[in-house]
N, C-alpha and C. Protein backbone atom coordinates (compact mmCIF):
# COMPACT_ATOMS: atom_id res chain seq x y z
N UNK A 1 -11.82 5.47 -11.17
CA UNK A 1 -12.00 6.83 -10.70
C UNK A 1 -10.73 7.27 -9.98
N UNK A 2 -10.51 8.57 -9.94
CA UNK A 2 -9.36 9.11 -9.23
C UNK A 2 -9.75 10.47 -8.66
N UNK A 3 -8.96 10.93 -7.69
CA UNK A 3 -9.31 12.20 -7.10
C UNK A 3 -8.22 12.79 -6.24
N UNK A 4 -8.57 13.88 -5.57
CA UNK A 4 -7.67 14.68 -4.74
C UNK A 4 -6.54 15.19 -5.63
N UNK A 5 -5.28 14.91 -5.29
CA UNK A 5 -4.14 15.43 -6.06
C UNK A 5 -3.74 14.54 -7.24
N UNK A 6 -4.43 13.44 -7.46
CA UNK A 6 -4.04 12.49 -8.51
C UNK A 6 -4.21 13.10 -9.90
N UNK A 7 -3.26 12.79 -10.78
CA UNK A 7 -3.28 13.25 -12.17
C UNK A 7 -3.03 12.04 -13.06
N UNK A 8 -3.88 11.85 -14.06
CA UNK A 8 -3.73 10.74 -15.00
C UNK A 8 -3.03 11.27 -16.25
N UNK A 9 -1.89 10.66 -16.59
CA UNK A 9 -1.12 10.99 -17.79
C UNK A 9 -1.20 9.82 -18.77
N UNK A 10 -0.60 9.95 -19.93
CA UNK A 10 -0.64 8.88 -20.93
C UNK A 10 0.02 7.59 -20.45
N UNK A 11 1.17 7.70 -19.78
CA UNK A 11 1.95 6.51 -19.42
C UNK A 11 2.00 6.20 -17.94
N UNK A 12 1.44 7.06 -17.11
CA UNK A 12 1.50 6.84 -15.67
C UNK A 12 0.44 7.67 -14.97
N UNK A 13 0.24 7.35 -13.70
CA UNK A 13 -0.67 8.10 -12.84
C UNK A 13 0.17 8.65 -11.69
N UNK A 14 0.12 9.94 -11.46
CA UNK A 14 0.81 10.54 -10.32
C UNK A 14 -0.24 10.77 -9.23
N UNK A 15 -0.08 10.05 -8.13
CA UNK A 15 -1.05 10.20 -7.04
C UNK A 15 -0.89 11.54 -6.33
N UNK A 16 0.37 11.96 -6.13
CA UNK A 16 0.61 13.25 -5.47
C UNK A 16 1.82 13.93 -6.09
N UNK A 17 1.85 15.26 -6.02
CA UNK A 17 3.06 15.97 -6.46
C UNK A 17 4.13 15.83 -5.38
N UNK A 18 5.32 16.27 -5.68
CA UNK A 18 6.44 16.22 -4.74
C UNK A 18 6.33 17.39 -3.77
N UNK A 19 5.26 17.40 -3.00
CA UNK A 19 5.00 18.43 -2.01
C UNK A 19 4.42 17.78 -0.77
N UNK A 20 4.70 18.38 0.37
CA UNK A 20 4.25 17.85 1.65
C UNK A 20 2.72 17.93 1.80
N UNK A 21 2.17 16.95 2.50
CA UNK A 21 0.77 16.93 2.92
C UNK A 21 -0.23 16.86 1.76
N UNK A 22 0.10 16.12 0.72
CA UNK A 22 -0.84 15.91 -0.38
C UNK A 22 -1.35 14.48 -0.36
N UNK A 23 -2.56 14.30 -0.85
CA UNK A 23 -3.17 12.98 -0.98
C UNK A 23 -3.71 12.83 -2.39
N UNK A 24 -3.66 11.61 -2.87
CA UNK A 24 -4.27 11.31 -4.16
C UNK A 24 -4.72 9.87 -4.14
N UNK A 25 -5.70 9.55 -4.96
CA UNK A 25 -6.20 8.18 -4.95
C UNK A 25 -6.66 7.75 -6.34
N UNK A 26 -6.60 6.45 -6.53
CA UNK A 26 -7.09 5.79 -7.74
C UNK A 26 -7.93 4.63 -7.25
N UNK A 27 -9.15 4.49 -7.75
CA UNK A 27 -10.08 3.49 -7.22
C UNK A 27 -10.74 2.72 -8.35
N UNK A 28 -10.69 1.41 -8.28
CA UNK A 28 -11.39 0.55 -9.23
C UNK A 28 -12.82 0.37 -8.74
N UNK A 29 -13.79 0.77 -9.52
CA UNK A 29 -15.19 0.66 -9.08
C UNK A 29 -15.82 -0.67 -9.48
N UNK A 30 -15.09 -1.50 -10.21
CA UNK A 30 -15.60 -2.81 -10.60
C UNK A 30 -15.21 -3.85 -9.56
N UNK A 31 -16.17 -4.63 -9.11
CA UNK A 31 -15.88 -5.67 -8.12
C UNK A 31 -15.00 -6.75 -8.73
N UNK A 32 -14.11 -7.30 -7.91
CA UNK A 32 -13.28 -8.42 -8.35
C UNK A 32 -14.17 -9.66 -8.33
N UNK A 33 -14.28 -10.34 -9.45
CA UNK A 33 -15.23 -11.44 -9.59
C UNK A 33 -14.61 -12.80 -9.30
N UNK A 34 -13.47 -12.82 -8.64
CA UNK A 34 -12.78 -14.08 -8.39
C UNK A 34 -12.50 -14.24 -6.90
N UNK A 35 -12.64 -15.45 -6.36
CA UNK A 35 -12.35 -15.64 -4.94
C UNK A 35 -10.85 -15.57 -4.65
N UNK A 36 -10.02 -15.93 -5.61
CA UNK A 36 -8.56 -15.86 -5.49
C UNK A 36 -8.04 -15.00 -6.63
N UNK A 37 -7.04 -14.17 -6.36
CA UNK A 37 -6.53 -13.27 -7.39
C UNK A 37 -5.12 -12.81 -7.05
N UNK A 38 -4.44 -12.27 -8.06
CA UNK A 38 -3.13 -11.65 -7.89
C UNK A 38 -3.13 -10.35 -8.68
N UNK A 39 -2.63 -9.29 -8.05
CA UNK A 39 -2.48 -7.99 -8.72
C UNK A 39 -1.01 -7.60 -8.64
N UNK A 40 -0.44 -7.22 -9.77
CA UNK A 40 0.92 -6.70 -9.79
C UNK A 40 0.84 -5.19 -9.95
N UNK A 41 1.42 -4.48 -9.00
CA UNK A 41 1.39 -3.03 -8.98
C UNK A 41 2.81 -2.52 -9.18
N UNK A 42 3.02 -1.71 -10.21
CA UNK A 42 4.33 -1.09 -10.44
C UNK A 42 4.22 0.37 -9.99
N UNK A 43 5.21 0.82 -9.22
CA UNK A 43 5.12 2.15 -8.64
C UNK A 43 6.50 2.75 -8.41
N UNK A 44 6.50 4.06 -8.17
CA UNK A 44 7.72 4.74 -7.74
C UNK A 44 7.34 5.72 -6.65
N UNK A 45 8.06 5.66 -5.55
CA UNK A 45 7.95 6.63 -4.48
C UNK A 45 9.24 7.43 -4.53
N UNK A 46 9.14 8.72 -4.87
CA UNK A 46 10.36 9.50 -5.04
C UNK A 46 10.10 10.98 -4.79
N UNK A 47 11.19 11.73 -4.76
CA UNK A 47 11.11 13.17 -4.59
C UNK A 47 12.48 13.79 -4.67
N UNK A 48 12.51 15.13 -4.66
CA UNK A 48 13.77 15.85 -4.77
C UNK A 48 14.37 16.22 -3.43
N UNK A 49 13.60 16.14 -2.36
CA UNK A 49 14.11 16.48 -1.04
C UNK A 49 15.16 15.49 -0.57
N UNK A 50 16.07 15.96 0.29
CA UNK A 50 17.15 15.09 0.78
C UNK A 50 16.69 14.18 1.91
N UNK A 51 15.75 14.63 2.73
CA UNK A 51 15.32 13.81 3.86
C UNK A 51 13.85 13.46 3.81
N UNK A 52 13.00 14.39 3.44
CA UNK A 52 11.56 14.13 3.39
C UNK A 52 11.08 14.16 1.95
N UNK A 53 10.70 13.00 1.44
CA UNK A 53 10.15 12.93 0.09
C UNK A 53 9.44 11.61 -0.06
N UNK A 54 8.31 11.62 -0.72
CA UNK A 54 7.59 10.40 -1.04
C UNK A 54 7.36 9.47 0.13
N UNK A 55 6.41 9.79 0.99
CA UNK A 55 6.10 8.96 2.15
C UNK A 55 5.70 7.54 1.81
N UNK A 56 4.78 7.37 0.88
CA UNK A 56 4.33 6.03 0.57
C UNK A 56 2.96 6.01 -0.08
N UNK A 57 2.35 4.83 -0.05
CA UNK A 57 1.04 4.63 -0.65
C UNK A 57 0.40 3.41 -0.01
N UNK A 58 -0.84 3.16 -0.35
CA UNK A 58 -1.55 1.99 0.18
C UNK A 58 -2.37 1.34 -0.92
N UNK A 59 -2.53 0.04 -0.81
CA UNK A 59 -3.37 -0.75 -1.71
C UNK A 59 -4.52 -1.27 -0.84
N UNK A 60 -5.74 -0.93 -1.17
CA UNK A 60 -6.91 -1.34 -0.39
C UNK A 60 -7.76 -2.33 -1.17
N UNK A 61 -8.18 -3.39 -0.50
CA UNK A 61 -9.14 -4.33 -1.06
C UNK A 61 -10.28 -4.40 -0.06
N UNK A 62 -11.35 -3.67 -0.33
CA UNK A 62 -12.45 -3.54 0.62
C UNK A 62 -13.78 -3.83 -0.06
N UNK A 63 -14.82 -3.85 0.73
CA UNK A 63 -16.15 -4.05 0.16
C UNK A 63 -16.78 -2.73 -0.27
N UNK A 64 -16.06 -1.63 -0.13
CA UNK A 64 -16.57 -0.32 -0.52
C UNK A 64 -16.51 -0.16 -2.04
N UNK A 65 -17.61 0.26 -2.62
CA UNK A 65 -17.67 0.45 -4.07
C UNK A 65 -16.92 1.71 -4.51
N UNK A 66 -16.78 2.68 -3.60
CA UNK A 66 -16.13 3.93 -3.93
C UNK A 66 -15.14 4.32 -2.85
N UNK A 67 -14.16 5.13 -3.23
CA UNK A 67 -13.16 5.64 -2.29
C UNK A 67 -13.85 6.44 -1.19
N UNK A 68 -13.39 6.24 0.06
CA UNK A 68 -13.88 7.01 1.20
C UNK A 68 -12.67 7.68 1.84
N UNK A 69 -12.57 9.00 1.70
CA UNK A 69 -11.43 9.73 2.21
C UNK A 69 -11.35 9.61 3.73
N UNK A 70 -10.13 9.55 4.24
CA UNK A 70 -9.95 9.45 5.68
C UNK A 70 -8.50 9.54 6.09
N UNK A 71 -8.22 9.29 7.39
CA UNK A 71 -6.89 9.51 7.96
C UNK A 71 -5.89 8.37 7.77
N UNK A 72 -6.31 7.26 7.20
CA UNK A 72 -5.46 6.08 7.12
C UNK A 72 -4.84 5.98 5.72
N UNK A 73 -3.73 6.65 5.53
CA UNK A 73 -3.09 6.74 4.21
C UNK A 73 -4.09 7.20 3.16
N UNK A 74 -4.89 8.21 3.52
CA UNK A 74 -5.85 8.79 2.59
C UNK A 74 -7.17 8.07 2.50
N UNK A 75 -7.34 7.00 3.27
CA UNK A 75 -8.57 6.22 3.21
C UNK A 75 -9.24 6.18 4.58
N UNK A 76 -10.51 5.86 4.60
CA UNK A 76 -11.28 5.79 5.83
C UNK A 76 -10.73 4.71 6.76
N UNK A 77 -10.76 4.98 8.06
CA UNK A 77 -10.35 3.96 9.02
C UNK A 77 -11.51 3.05 9.40
N UNK A 78 -12.65 3.24 8.77
CA UNK A 78 -13.81 2.37 8.97
C UNK A 78 -14.08 1.65 7.65
N UNK A 79 -13.64 0.40 7.56
CA UNK A 79 -13.76 -0.37 6.32
C UNK A 79 -13.82 -1.85 6.67
N UNK A 80 -14.22 -2.65 5.70
CA UNK A 80 -14.19 -4.11 5.82
C UNK A 80 -13.32 -4.62 4.68
N UNK A 81 -12.23 -5.29 5.03
CA UNK A 81 -11.30 -5.79 4.04
C UNK A 81 -9.88 -5.71 4.55
N UNK A 82 -8.94 -5.49 3.63
CA UNK A 82 -7.55 -5.36 4.06
C UNK A 82 -6.83 -4.31 3.25
N UNK A 83 -5.74 -3.83 3.82
CA UNK A 83 -4.90 -2.84 3.16
C UNK A 83 -3.45 -3.23 3.29
N UNK A 84 -2.69 -2.91 2.27
CA UNK A 84 -1.24 -3.07 2.31
C UNK A 84 -0.67 -1.67 2.33
N UNK A 85 0.05 -1.33 3.41
CA UNK A 85 0.64 -0.01 3.54
C UNK A 85 2.10 -0.04 3.13
N UNK A 86 2.47 0.84 2.23
CA UNK A 86 3.86 1.05 1.83
C UNK A 86 4.24 2.40 2.44
N UNK A 87 4.89 2.38 3.59
CA UNK A 87 5.08 3.58 4.39
C UNK A 87 6.55 3.72 4.78
N UNK A 88 7.23 4.71 4.23
CA UNK A 88 8.65 4.88 4.53
C UNK A 88 8.90 5.87 5.66
N UNK A 89 7.86 6.56 6.12
CA UNK A 89 8.03 7.55 7.19
C UNK A 89 7.81 6.89 8.54
N UNK A 90 8.81 6.99 9.40
CA UNK A 90 8.72 6.40 10.74
C UNK A 90 8.07 7.41 11.68
N UNK A 91 6.77 7.24 11.90
CA UNK A 91 6.02 8.15 12.76
C UNK A 91 6.45 7.97 14.20
N UNK A 92 6.73 9.08 14.89
CA UNK A 92 7.20 9.00 16.27
C UNK A 92 6.08 8.62 17.23
N UNK A 93 4.83 8.87 16.84
CA UNK A 93 3.72 8.56 17.75
C UNK A 93 3.32 7.09 17.72
N UNK A 94 3.90 6.32 16.81
CA UNK A 94 3.53 4.91 16.71
C UNK A 94 4.06 4.14 17.91
N UNK A 95 3.22 3.33 18.50
CA UNK A 95 3.62 2.52 19.64
C UNK A 95 4.16 1.17 19.23
N UNK A 96 4.30 0.93 17.95
CA UNK A 96 4.76 -0.38 17.47
C UNK A 96 6.04 -0.22 16.65
N UNK A 97 6.66 -1.32 16.38
CA UNK A 97 7.84 -1.32 15.53
C UNK A 97 7.39 -1.05 14.09
N UNK A 98 8.10 -0.16 13.42
CA UNK A 98 7.75 0.24 12.06
C UNK A 98 8.16 -0.83 11.05
N UNK A 99 7.31 -1.08 10.09
CA UNK A 99 7.62 -1.88 8.91
C UNK A 99 7.32 -1.02 7.69
N UNK A 100 8.19 -1.05 6.69
CA UNK A 100 7.95 -0.27 5.48
C UNK A 100 6.74 -0.77 4.72
N UNK A 101 6.50 -2.08 4.77
CA UNK A 101 5.33 -2.69 4.14
C UNK A 101 4.61 -3.47 5.22
N UNK A 102 3.32 -3.19 5.43
CA UNK A 102 2.59 -3.89 6.49
C UNK A 102 1.16 -4.18 6.05
N UNK A 103 0.56 -5.15 6.73
CA UNK A 103 -0.80 -5.62 6.43
C UNK A 103 -1.76 -5.14 7.50
N UNK A 104 -2.86 -4.53 7.07
CA UNK A 104 -3.95 -4.14 7.96
C UNK A 104 -5.19 -4.91 7.56
N UNK A 105 -5.94 -5.38 8.54
CA UNK A 105 -7.18 -6.10 8.29
C UNK A 105 -8.25 -5.50 9.19
N UNK A 106 -9.45 -5.31 8.65
CA UNK A 106 -10.55 -4.78 9.44
C UNK A 106 -11.83 -5.52 9.08
N UNK A 107 -12.52 -5.99 10.10
CA UNK A 107 -13.79 -6.68 9.90
C UNK A 107 -14.97 -5.71 9.95
N UNK A 108 -14.66 -4.42 9.93
CA UNK A 108 -15.69 -3.39 9.99
C UNK A 108 -15.91 -2.86 11.38
N UNK A 109 -15.24 -3.43 12.39
CA UNK A 109 -15.45 -3.04 13.77
C UNK A 109 -14.24 -2.40 14.43
N UNK A 110 -13.15 -2.22 13.70
CA UNK A 110 -11.93 -1.64 14.26
C UNK A 110 -11.75 -0.24 13.71
N UNK A 111 -10.87 0.52 14.35
CA UNK A 111 -10.56 1.86 13.89
C UNK A 111 -9.04 2.01 13.78
N UNK A 112 -8.57 2.58 12.69
CA UNK A 112 -7.17 2.90 12.41
C UNK A 112 -6.25 1.72 12.64
N UNK A 113 -5.17 1.91 13.41
CA UNK A 113 -4.12 0.90 13.51
C UNK A 113 -4.53 -0.31 14.34
N UNK A 114 -5.75 -0.32 14.90
CA UNK A 114 -6.21 -1.53 15.59
C UNK A 114 -6.24 -2.71 14.63
N UNK A 115 -6.28 -2.44 13.35
CA UNK A 115 -6.33 -3.50 12.35
C UNK A 115 -4.98 -4.02 11.92
N UNK A 116 -3.89 -3.46 12.48
CA UNK A 116 -2.56 -3.92 12.11
C UNK A 116 -2.41 -5.38 12.51
N UNK A 117 -2.04 -6.21 11.55
CA UNK A 117 -1.90 -7.64 11.80
C UNK A 117 -0.57 -7.88 12.51
N UNK A 118 -0.63 -8.57 13.64
CA UNK A 118 0.56 -8.85 14.43
C UNK A 118 0.85 -10.34 14.47
N UNK A 119 2.13 -10.67 14.58
CA UNK A 119 2.57 -12.04 14.79
C UNK A 119 3.61 -11.98 15.90
N UNK A 120 3.34 -12.62 17.03
CA UNK A 120 4.22 -12.54 18.20
C UNK A 120 4.48 -11.09 18.61
N UNK A 121 3.45 -10.25 18.53
CA UNK A 121 3.55 -8.86 18.95
C UNK A 121 4.19 -7.92 17.95
N UNK A 122 4.64 -8.42 16.83
CA UNK A 122 5.28 -7.60 15.80
C UNK A 122 4.35 -7.46 14.59
N UNK A 123 4.39 -6.31 13.92
CA UNK A 123 3.57 -6.15 12.71
C UNK A 123 3.96 -7.16 11.64
N UNK A 124 2.97 -7.67 10.92
CA UNK A 124 3.24 -8.56 9.79
C UNK A 124 3.65 -7.68 8.62
N UNK A 125 4.85 -7.88 8.13
CA UNK A 125 5.35 -7.09 7.03
C UNK A 125 6.85 -7.20 6.92
N UNK A 126 7.45 -6.22 6.26
CA UNK A 126 8.90 -6.23 6.07
C UNK A 126 9.38 -4.81 5.82
N UNK A 127 10.68 -4.65 5.88
CA UNK A 127 11.29 -3.40 5.48
C UNK A 127 11.70 -3.53 4.03
N UNK A 128 11.61 -2.45 3.30
CA UNK A 128 11.98 -2.48 1.89
C UNK A 128 12.37 -1.10 1.40
N UNK A 129 13.51 -1.00 0.81
CA UNK A 129 14.03 0.28 0.34
C UNK A 129 13.45 0.60 -1.04
N UNK A 130 12.21 1.10 -1.06
CA UNK A 130 11.56 1.41 -2.33
C UNK A 130 11.44 2.91 -2.59
N UNK A 131 12.06 3.72 -1.75
CA UNK A 131 11.99 5.18 -1.94
C UNK A 131 13.23 5.65 -2.70
N UNK A 132 13.02 6.42 -3.75
CA UNK A 132 14.11 6.91 -4.61
C UNK A 132 14.30 8.41 -4.41
N UNK A 133 15.55 8.84 -4.26
CA UNK A 133 15.87 10.26 -4.17
C UNK A 133 16.24 10.76 -5.57
N UNK A 134 15.45 11.67 -6.09
CA UNK A 134 15.64 12.15 -7.46
C UNK A 134 16.91 12.98 -7.63
N UNK A 135 17.52 13.41 -6.53
CA UNK A 135 18.74 14.21 -6.61
C UNK A 135 20.01 13.38 -6.73
N UNK A 136 19.91 12.07 -6.61
CA UNK A 136 21.11 11.22 -6.72
C UNK A 136 21.61 11.19 -8.16
N UNK A 137 22.91 11.05 -8.31
CA UNK A 137 23.51 11.01 -9.65
C UNK A 137 23.03 9.79 -10.44
N UNK A 138 22.74 8.69 -9.75
CA UNK A 138 22.34 7.46 -10.45
C UNK A 138 20.82 7.36 -10.66
N UNK A 139 20.06 8.40 -10.30
CA UNK A 139 18.61 8.37 -10.48
C UNK A 139 18.27 8.58 -11.95
N UNK A 140 17.43 7.70 -12.48
CA UNK A 140 16.91 7.86 -13.84
C UNK A 140 15.45 7.44 -13.83
N UNK A 141 14.60 8.25 -14.39
CA UNK A 141 13.16 8.01 -14.33
C UNK A 141 12.75 6.67 -14.94
N UNK A 142 13.49 6.19 -15.93
CA UNK A 142 13.14 4.93 -16.60
C UNK A 142 13.48 3.70 -15.76
N UNK A 143 14.44 3.83 -14.84
CA UNK A 143 14.85 2.66 -14.06
C UNK A 143 14.44 2.73 -12.60
N UNK A 144 14.01 3.89 -12.13
CA UNK A 144 13.61 4.04 -10.73
C UNK A 144 12.17 3.56 -10.57
N UNK A 145 12.02 2.27 -10.30
CA UNK A 145 10.67 1.73 -10.15
C UNK A 145 10.71 0.50 -9.25
N UNK A 146 9.60 0.26 -8.61
CA UNK A 146 9.43 -0.91 -7.75
C UNK A 146 8.15 -1.61 -8.18
N UNK A 147 7.97 -2.83 -7.69
CA UNK A 147 6.74 -3.56 -8.00
C UNK A 147 6.36 -4.43 -6.81
N UNK A 148 5.08 -4.67 -6.68
CA UNK A 148 4.56 -5.56 -5.64
C UNK A 148 3.55 -6.51 -6.28
N UNK A 149 3.68 -7.79 -5.97
CA UNK A 149 2.66 -8.79 -6.35
C UNK A 149 1.85 -9.06 -5.10
N UNK A 150 0.58 -8.69 -5.15
CA UNK A 150 -0.32 -8.86 -4.02
C UNK A 150 -1.29 -9.97 -4.38
N UNK A 151 -1.30 -11.03 -3.57
CA UNK A 151 -2.17 -12.18 -3.85
C UNK A 151 -3.10 -12.44 -2.69
N UNK A 152 -4.31 -12.83 -3.03
CA UNK A 152 -5.31 -13.26 -2.04
C UNK A 152 -5.77 -14.64 -2.46
N UNK A 153 -5.42 -15.66 -1.66
CA UNK A 153 -5.77 -17.05 -1.97
C UNK A 153 -6.16 -17.77 -0.69
N UNK A 154 -7.29 -18.44 -0.74
CA UNK A 154 -7.75 -19.24 0.41
C UNK A 154 -7.75 -18.43 1.70
N UNK A 155 -8.12 -17.15 1.62
CA UNK A 155 -8.21 -16.30 2.80
C UNK A 155 -6.87 -15.78 3.30
N UNK A 156 -5.80 -16.02 2.56
CA UNK A 156 -4.46 -15.57 2.96
C UNK A 156 -3.99 -14.47 2.02
N UNK A 157 -3.21 -13.55 2.56
CA UNK A 157 -2.62 -12.47 1.78
C UNK A 157 -1.12 -12.71 1.68
N UNK A 158 -0.59 -12.60 0.47
CA UNK A 158 0.87 -12.68 0.31
C UNK A 158 1.34 -11.50 -0.55
N UNK A 159 2.53 -11.02 -0.22
CA UNK A 159 3.13 -9.90 -0.94
C UNK A 159 4.56 -10.28 -1.30
N UNK A 160 4.88 -10.17 -2.58
CA UNK A 160 6.25 -10.31 -3.05
C UNK A 160 6.66 -8.95 -3.61
N UNK A 161 7.92 -8.57 -3.36
CA UNK A 161 8.41 -7.27 -3.79
C UNK A 161 9.59 -7.38 -4.73
N UNK A 162 9.61 -6.51 -5.71
CA UNK A 162 10.77 -6.29 -6.58
C UNK A 162 11.13 -4.82 -6.35
N UNK A 163 12.02 -4.57 -5.39
CA UNK A 163 12.26 -3.22 -4.90
C UNK A 163 12.91 -2.28 -5.91
N UNK A 164 13.71 -2.80 -6.81
CA UNK A 164 14.44 -1.96 -7.76
C UNK A 164 14.11 -2.25 -9.21
N UNK A 165 13.04 -3.00 -9.47
CA UNK A 165 12.63 -3.26 -10.84
C UNK A 165 13.59 -4.13 -11.62
N UNK A 166 14.28 -5.03 -10.92
CA UNK A 166 15.29 -5.87 -11.56
C UNK A 166 14.79 -7.27 -11.88
N UNK A 167 13.58 -7.60 -11.41
CA UNK A 167 13.06 -8.95 -11.59
C UNK A 167 13.41 -9.88 -10.44
N UNK A 168 14.12 -9.34 -9.44
CA UNK A 168 14.47 -10.12 -8.25
C UNK A 168 13.36 -9.94 -7.21
N UNK A 169 12.49 -10.94 -7.08
CA UNK A 169 11.35 -10.88 -6.18
C UNK A 169 11.72 -11.49 -4.84
N UNK A 170 11.29 -10.84 -3.75
CA UNK A 170 11.47 -11.38 -2.41
C UNK A 170 10.11 -11.40 -1.72
N UNK A 171 9.88 -12.42 -0.90
CA UNK A 171 8.62 -12.51 -0.17
C UNK A 171 8.67 -11.57 1.03
N UNK A 172 7.64 -10.76 1.15
CA UNK A 172 7.53 -9.81 2.26
C UNK A 172 6.49 -10.27 3.27
N UNK A 173 5.33 -10.69 2.78
CA UNK A 173 4.23 -11.12 3.65
C UNK A 173 3.67 -12.42 3.10
N UNK A 174 3.45 -13.36 4.00
CA UNK A 174 2.76 -14.61 3.69
C UNK A 174 1.90 -14.90 4.91
N UNK A 175 0.70 -14.32 4.93
CA UNK A 175 -0.12 -14.30 6.14
C UNK A 175 -0.81 -15.62 6.42
N UNK A 176 -1.22 -15.75 7.65
CA UNK A 176 -2.17 -16.78 8.04
C UNK A 176 -3.52 -16.34 7.47
N UNK A 177 -4.53 -17.22 7.46
CA UNK A 177 -5.86 -16.77 6.99
C UNK A 177 -6.32 -15.55 7.80
N UNK A 178 -6.81 -14.53 7.11
CA UNK A 178 -7.27 -13.33 7.80
C UNK A 178 -8.74 -13.48 8.15
N UNK A 179 -9.13 -12.89 9.26
CA UNK A 179 -10.50 -13.04 9.76
C UNK A 179 -11.36 -11.87 9.29
N UNK A 180 -12.27 -12.19 8.38
CA UNK A 180 -13.22 -11.21 7.87
C UNK A 180 -14.59 -11.85 7.84
N UNK A 181 -15.67 -11.05 7.94
CA UNK A 181 -17.01 -11.63 7.95
C UNK A 181 -17.33 -12.34 6.63
N UNK A 182 -18.14 -13.36 6.71
CA UNK A 182 -18.55 -14.11 5.51
C UNK A 182 -19.19 -13.17 4.51
N UNK A 183 -18.83 -13.34 3.25
CA UNK A 183 -19.40 -12.53 2.19
C UNK A 183 -18.85 -11.13 2.08
N UNK A 184 -17.78 -10.81 2.82
CA UNK A 184 -17.23 -9.45 2.80
C UNK A 184 -16.77 -9.03 1.41
N UNK A 185 -16.34 -9.99 0.60
CA UNK A 185 -15.79 -9.66 -0.71
C UNK A 185 -16.79 -9.88 -1.85
N UNK A 186 -18.06 -10.00 -1.51
CA UNK A 186 -19.09 -10.24 -2.54
C UNK A 186 -19.45 -8.97 -3.26
C-alpha cells in the first residue's frame, strides 16, 4: 500500500515531489515470516534546490499491520519496533548530535525521539552523503542512487550503506541487542 504524496511508476516509486513539506509512504502489509532477515533498499534523495532539497526517509519495522501517519518522519511516534532514519536536515531544535542515519527503537511506551538509541550519550548511527543535487553538472538520474542493507539478526540491527551506488559498502550501524517486548514481531 502507498499513500499521501507517493506515486508508483513502472520503474520506481516517488515518495514525495521536489517540494517542501510533503510526505509519502509505502507500506508492506504482509508480516515478515522470519526471525532473522535482510532487506536491501535502493533509493535516491535529491532535488533541484541549492540548499534545501530531499530531507530524507525512514524504514520502519513495526508490529503495525498498516501505516499510521504521524510526526516522526511521516509515521506515528507511538509504535513497537524500530526505525532507521535517513535524515539530512540538521534540525536546530534537536538537543542531540545529528547523525544522517540513526536507529530508533520503541517498546510501545516511548514518544518521538525518546526512542533514539544512544551509545555513550551519542546517537547510534553515522553520517552519510546520500543527498544528490540535481543541478550539478555531474548529476545523472541513472547513476545518482544509494543503497542500504538493513539486517535484523539475533535481536541486533545492522546497517551497511553504499552511498553512491558503486558497490562499496560501509558499516554504519551494528547495534547491541535492542530491547523490545517478547512477541513484538509476531
